[in-house]
Amino acid sequence: MTTALEPKLLVADADAAIAFYTRALGAEVRRRIADDDGVVNHAELTLGAVGFALAQSVAEWGWHDPESVGGSPVLLVLTVADPDATADRLVEHGAALVIPVEDRPYGKRQGRVRDPFGHLWVISGKPR
């Protein structure tokens, strides 16, 4: 058996989130499953070799998106070849810049954005 960890992001609007992640990050949709009412309860996306899932928040199930609970306590760290360009692209598509991308004293080039669904992303790469 292989061990794997795949984050599942809960969002207020799953189809809008799928559109954002495909446009802003170049993610590809592997699977999208919706119930009879059109609520997306599972979608799988890939960024190269990295996978993540997302679903529409459903309060009755205890599935709450960051905006409905006052923000996200989790940082998603995305390591890319060009963190500046990636952060810029995220902001162009609606993310908010929280911390600018800069060389950090611990040997990485990083910044932070909040996507339109409340998730916090640390965009990381090698220093200049």
C-alpha atoms as a PDB file:
ATOM      1  CA  MET A   1       0.000   0.000   0.000  1.00  0.00           C
ATOM      2  CA  THR A   2       1.244   3.470  -0.895  1.00  0.00           C
ATOM      3  CA  THR A   3       0.817   6.332   1.551  1.00  0.00           C
ATOM      4  CA  ALA A   4      -0.391   9.613   0.081  1.00  0.00           C
ATOM      5  CA  LEU A   5      -1.673  12.939   1.329  1.00  0.00           C
ATOM      6  CA  GLU A   6      -4.003  14.940  -0.889  1.00  0.00           C
ATOM      7  CA  PRO A   7      -5.488  18.148   0.493  1.00  0.00           C
ATOM      8  CA  LYS A   8      -9.159  18.763  -0.217  1.00  0.00           C
ATOM      9  CA  LEU A   9     -10.030  22.451  -0.324  1.00  0.00           C
ATOM     10  CA  LEU A  10     -13.555  23.416   0.671  1.00  0.00           C
ATOM     11  CA  VAL A  11     -14.902  26.396  -1.256  1.00  0.00           C
ATOM     12  CA  ALA A  12     -18.142  28.352  -1.502  1.00  0.00           C
ATOM     13  CA  ASP A  13     -18.307  27.903  -5.307  1.00  0.00           C
ATOM     14  CA  ALA A  14     -16.578  24.794  -6.620  1.00  0.00           C
ATOM     15  CA  ASP A  15     -16.988  25.580 -10.322  1.00  0.00           C
ATOM     16  CA  ALA A  16     -15.550  29.079  -9.836  1.00  0.00           C
ATOM     17  CA  ALA A  17     -12.641  27.548  -7.913  1.00  0.00           C
ATOM     18  CA  ILE A  18     -11.989  25.019 -10.681  1.00  0.00           C
ATOM     19  CA  ALA A  19     -11.963  27.853 -13.221  1.00  0.00           C
ATOM     20  CA  PHE A  20      -9.596  29.924 -11.036  1.00  0.00           C
ATOM     21  CA  TYR A  21      -7.084  27.120 -10.414  1.00  0.00           C
ATOM     22  CA  THR A  22      -7.033  26.064 -14.060  1.00  0.00           C
ATOM     23  CA  ARG A  23      -6.506  29.645 -15.302  1.00  0.00           C
ATOM     24  CA  ALA A  24      -4.208  30.968 -12.575  1.00  0.00           C
ATOM     25  CA  LEU A  25      -2.094  27.874 -11.911  1.00  0.00           C
ATOM     26  CA  GLY A  26      -2.523  25.819 -15.058  1.00  0.00           C
ATOM     27  CA  ALA A  27      -4.152  23.012 -13.060  1.00  0.00           C
ATOM     28  CA  GLU A  28      -5.840  20.216 -14.965  1.00  0.00           C
ATOM     29  CA  VAL A  29      -9.146  18.676 -13.913  1.00  0.00           C
ATOM     30  CA  ARG A  30      -8.903  14.896 -13.505  1.00  0.00           C
ATOM     31  CA  ARG A  31     -12.404  14.374 -12.142  1.00  0.00           C
ATOM     32  CA  ARG A  32     -15.492  16.423 -11.281  1.00  0.00           C
ATOM     33  CA  ILE A  33     -18.430  14.823  -9.474  1.00  0.00           C
ATOM     34  CA  ALA A  34     -21.651  16.698  -8.756  1.00  0.00           C
ATOM     35  CA  ASP A  35     -24.855  15.560  -7.120  1.00  0.00           C
ATOM     36  CA  ASP A  36     -28.307  15.838  -8.696  1.00  0.00           C
ATOM     37  CA  ASP A  37     -28.577  19.459  -7.507  1.00  0.00           C
ATOM     38  CA  GLY A  38     -25.301  20.384  -9.220  1.00  0.00           C
ATOM     39  CA  VAL A  39     -23.298  20.641  -5.984  1.00  0.00           C
ATOM     40  CA  VAL A  40     -19.710  19.588  -6.690  1.00  0.00           C
ATOM     41  CA  ASN A  41     -18.892  17.279  -3.804  1.00  0.00           C
ATOM     42  CA  HIS A  42     -15.577  16.120  -5.266  1.00  0.00           C
ATOM     43  CA  ALA A  43     -13.188  17.361  -7.903  1.00  0.00           C
ATOM     44  CA  GLU A  44      -9.594  16.287  -8.454  1.00  0.00           C
ATOM     45  CA  LEU A  45      -7.014  18.605 -10.004  1.00  0.00           C
ATOM     46  CA  THR A  46      -3.330  18.221 -10.797  1.00  0.00           C
ATOM     47  CA  LEU A  47      -0.425  20.643 -10.964  1.00  0.00           C
ATOM     48  CA  GLY A  48       2.251  18.609 -12.707  1.00  0.00           C
ATOM     49  CA  ALA A  49       2.864  15.646 -10.389  1.00  0.00           C
ATOM     50  CA  VAL A  50       0.975  17.252  -7.481  1.00  0.00           C
ATOM     51  CA  GLY A  51      -2.676  16.501  -6.859  1.00  0.00           C
ATOM     52  CA  PHE A  52      -5.335  18.210  -4.789  1.00  0.00           C
ATOM     53  CA  ALA A  53      -9.083  17.966  -4.477  1.00  0.00           C
ATOM     54  CA  LEU A  54     -11.841  20.448  -3.822  1.00  0.00           C
ATOM     55  CA  ALA A  55     -15.504  20.453  -2.982  1.00  0.00           C
ATOM     56  CA  GLN A  56     -18.355  22.823  -2.385  1.00  0.00           C
ATOM     57  CA  SER A  57     -18.881  23.652   1.282  1.00  0.00           C
ATOM     58  CA  VAL A  58     -21.985  21.987   2.712  1.00  0.00           C
ATOM     59  CA  ALA A  59     -22.818  23.163   6.240  1.00  0.00           C
ATOM     60  CA  GLU A  60     -25.079  20.151   6.934  1.00  0.00           C
ATOM     61  CA  TRP A  61     -22.068  17.872   6.409  1.00  0.00           C
ATOM     62  CA  GLY A  62     -19.748  19.994   8.532  1.00  0.00           C
ATOM     63  CA  TRP A  63     -17.851  21.085   5.411  1.00  0.00           C
ATOM     64  CA  HIS A  64     -17.038  24.772   5.933  1.00  0.00           C
ATOM     65  CA  ASP A  65     -14.972  26.914   3.564  1.00  0.00           C
ATOM     66  CA  PRO A  66     -12.478  29.447   5.000  1.00  0.00           C
ATOM     67  CA  GLU A  67     -14.720  32.452   4.348  1.00  0.00           C
ATOM     68  CA  SER A  68     -17.558  30.928   6.385  1.00  0.00           C
ATOM     69  CA  VAL A  69     -15.341  30.372   9.455  1.00  0.00           C
ATOM     70  CA  GLY A  70     -13.313  33.604   9.452  1.00  0.00           C
ATOM     71  CA  GLY A  71     -10.293  32.484   7.424  1.00  0.00           C
ATOM     72  CA  SER A  72      -7.999  29.557   6.863  1.00  0.00           C
ATOM     73  CA  PRO A  73      -5.671  28.193   9.547  1.00  0.00           C
ATOM     74  CA  VAL A  74      -3.707  26.258   6.904  1.00  0.00           C
ATOM     75  CA  LEU A  75      -0.876  27.401   4.619  1.00  0.00           C
ATOM     76  CA  LEU A  76      -0.543  25.557   1.306  1.00  0.00           C
ATOM     77  CA  VAL A  77       3.089  25.685   0.156  1.00  0.00           C
ATOM     78  CA  LEU A  78       3.489  25.539  -3.622  1.00  0.00           C
ATOM     79  CA  THR A  79       7.090  25.251  -4.844  1.00  0.00           C
ATOM     80  CA  VAL A  80       7.576  26.444  -8.415  1.00  0.00           C
ATOM     81  CA  ALA A  81      10.401  27.445 -10.743  1.00  0.00           C
ATOM     82  CA  ASP A  82       9.351  31.113 -10.813  1.00  0.00           C
ATOM     83  CA  PRO A  83       7.520  32.211  -7.649  1.00  0.00           C
ATOM     84  CA  ASP A  84       7.322  35.848  -8.805  1.00  0.00           C
ATOM     85  CA  ALA A  85       5.504  34.973 -12.034  1.00  0.00           C
ATOM     86  CA  THR A  86       3.235  32.473 -10.276  1.00  0.00           C
ATOM     87  CA  ALA A  87       2.227  34.977  -7.573  1.00  0.00           C
ATOM     88  CA  ASP A  88       1.659  37.653 -10.225  1.00  0.00           C
ATOM     89  CA  ARG A  89      -0.561  35.283 -12.241  1.00  0.00           C
ATOM     90  CA  LEU A  90      -2.583  34.389  -9.141  1.00  0.00           C
ATOM     91  CA  VAL A  91      -3.132  38.071  -8.363  1.00  0.00           C
ATOM     92  CA  GLU A  92      -4.087  38.802 -11.995  1.00  0.00           C
ATOM     93  CA  HIS A  93      -6.822  36.172 -11.672  1.00  0.00           C
ATOM     94  CA  GLY A  94      -8.250  37.475  -8.408  1.00  0.00           C
ATOM     95  CA  ALA A  95      -5.997  36.396  -5.522  1.00  0.00           C
ATOM     96  CA  ALA A  96      -4.894  38.996  -2.974  1.00  0.00           C
ATOM     97  CA  LEU A  97      -1.215  39.557  -2.273  1.00  0.00           C
ATOM     98  CA  VAL A  98      -0.661  39.063   1.471  1.00  0.00           C
ATOM     99  CA  ILE A  99       3.162  39.061   1.620  1.00  0.00           C
ATOM    100  CA  PRO A 100       5.293  40.055  -1.403  1.00  0.00           C
ATOM    101  CA  VAL A 101       7.613  37.484  -2.967  1.00  0.00           C
ATOM    102  CA  GLU A 102      11.133  38.175  -1.741  1.00  0.00           C
ATOM    103  CA  ASP A 103      14.339  36.336  -0.915  1.00  0.00           C
ATOM    104  CA  ARG A 104      13.993  35.153   2.683  1.00  0.00           C
ATOM    105  CA  PRO A 105      16.831  34.788   5.218  1.00  0.00           C
ATOM    106  CA  TYR A 106      16.212  31.023   5.408  1.00  0.00           C
ATOM    107  CA  GLY A 107      17.292  30.460   1.791  1.00  0.00           C
ATOM    108  CA  LYS A 108      14.019  30.512  -0.147  1.00  0.00           C
ATOM    109  CA  ARG A 109      12.209  33.045  -2.309  1.00  0.00           C
ATOM    110  CA  GLN A 110       8.648  33.171  -0.988  1.00  0.00           C
ATOM    111  CA  GLY A 111       5.508  35.240  -0.741  1.00  0.00           C
ATOM    112  CA  ARG A 112       1.909  34.619   0.224  1.00  0.00           C
ATOM    113  CA  VAL A 113      -1.416  35.081  -1.527  1.00  0.00           C
ATOM    114  CA  ARG A 114      -5.026  34.509  -0.462  1.00  0.00           C
ATOM    115  CA  ASP A 115      -7.048  32.983  -3.250  1.00  0.00           C
ATOM    116  CA  PRO A 116     -10.598  34.209  -3.941  1.00  0.00           C
ATOM    117  CA  PHE A 117     -11.937  31.356  -1.786  1.00  0.00           C
ATOM    118  CA  GLY A 118      -9.944  32.228   1.355  1.00  0.00           C
ATOM    119  CA  HIS A 119      -7.138  29.669   1.070  1.00  0.00           C
ATOM    120  CA  LEU A 120      -3.620  30.897   1.846  1.00  0.00           C
ATOM    121  CA  TRP A 121      -0.833  29.890  -0.542  1.00  0.00           C
ATOM    122  CA  VAL A 122       2.890  30.304   0.138  1.00  0.00           C
ATOM    123  CA  ILE A 123       4.487  30.560  -3.293  1.00  0.00           C
ATOM    124  CA  SER A 124       8.034  29.285  -2.933  1.00  0.00           C
ATOM    125  CA  GLY A 125      11.130  28.809  -5.050  1.00  0.00           C
ATOM    126  CA  LYS A 126      14.896  29.167  -5.119  1.00  0.00           C
ATOM    127  CA  PRO A 127      16.343  32.574  -4.204  1.00  0.00           C
ATOM    128  CA  ARG A 128      17.634  34.880  -6.923  1.00  0.00           C
END
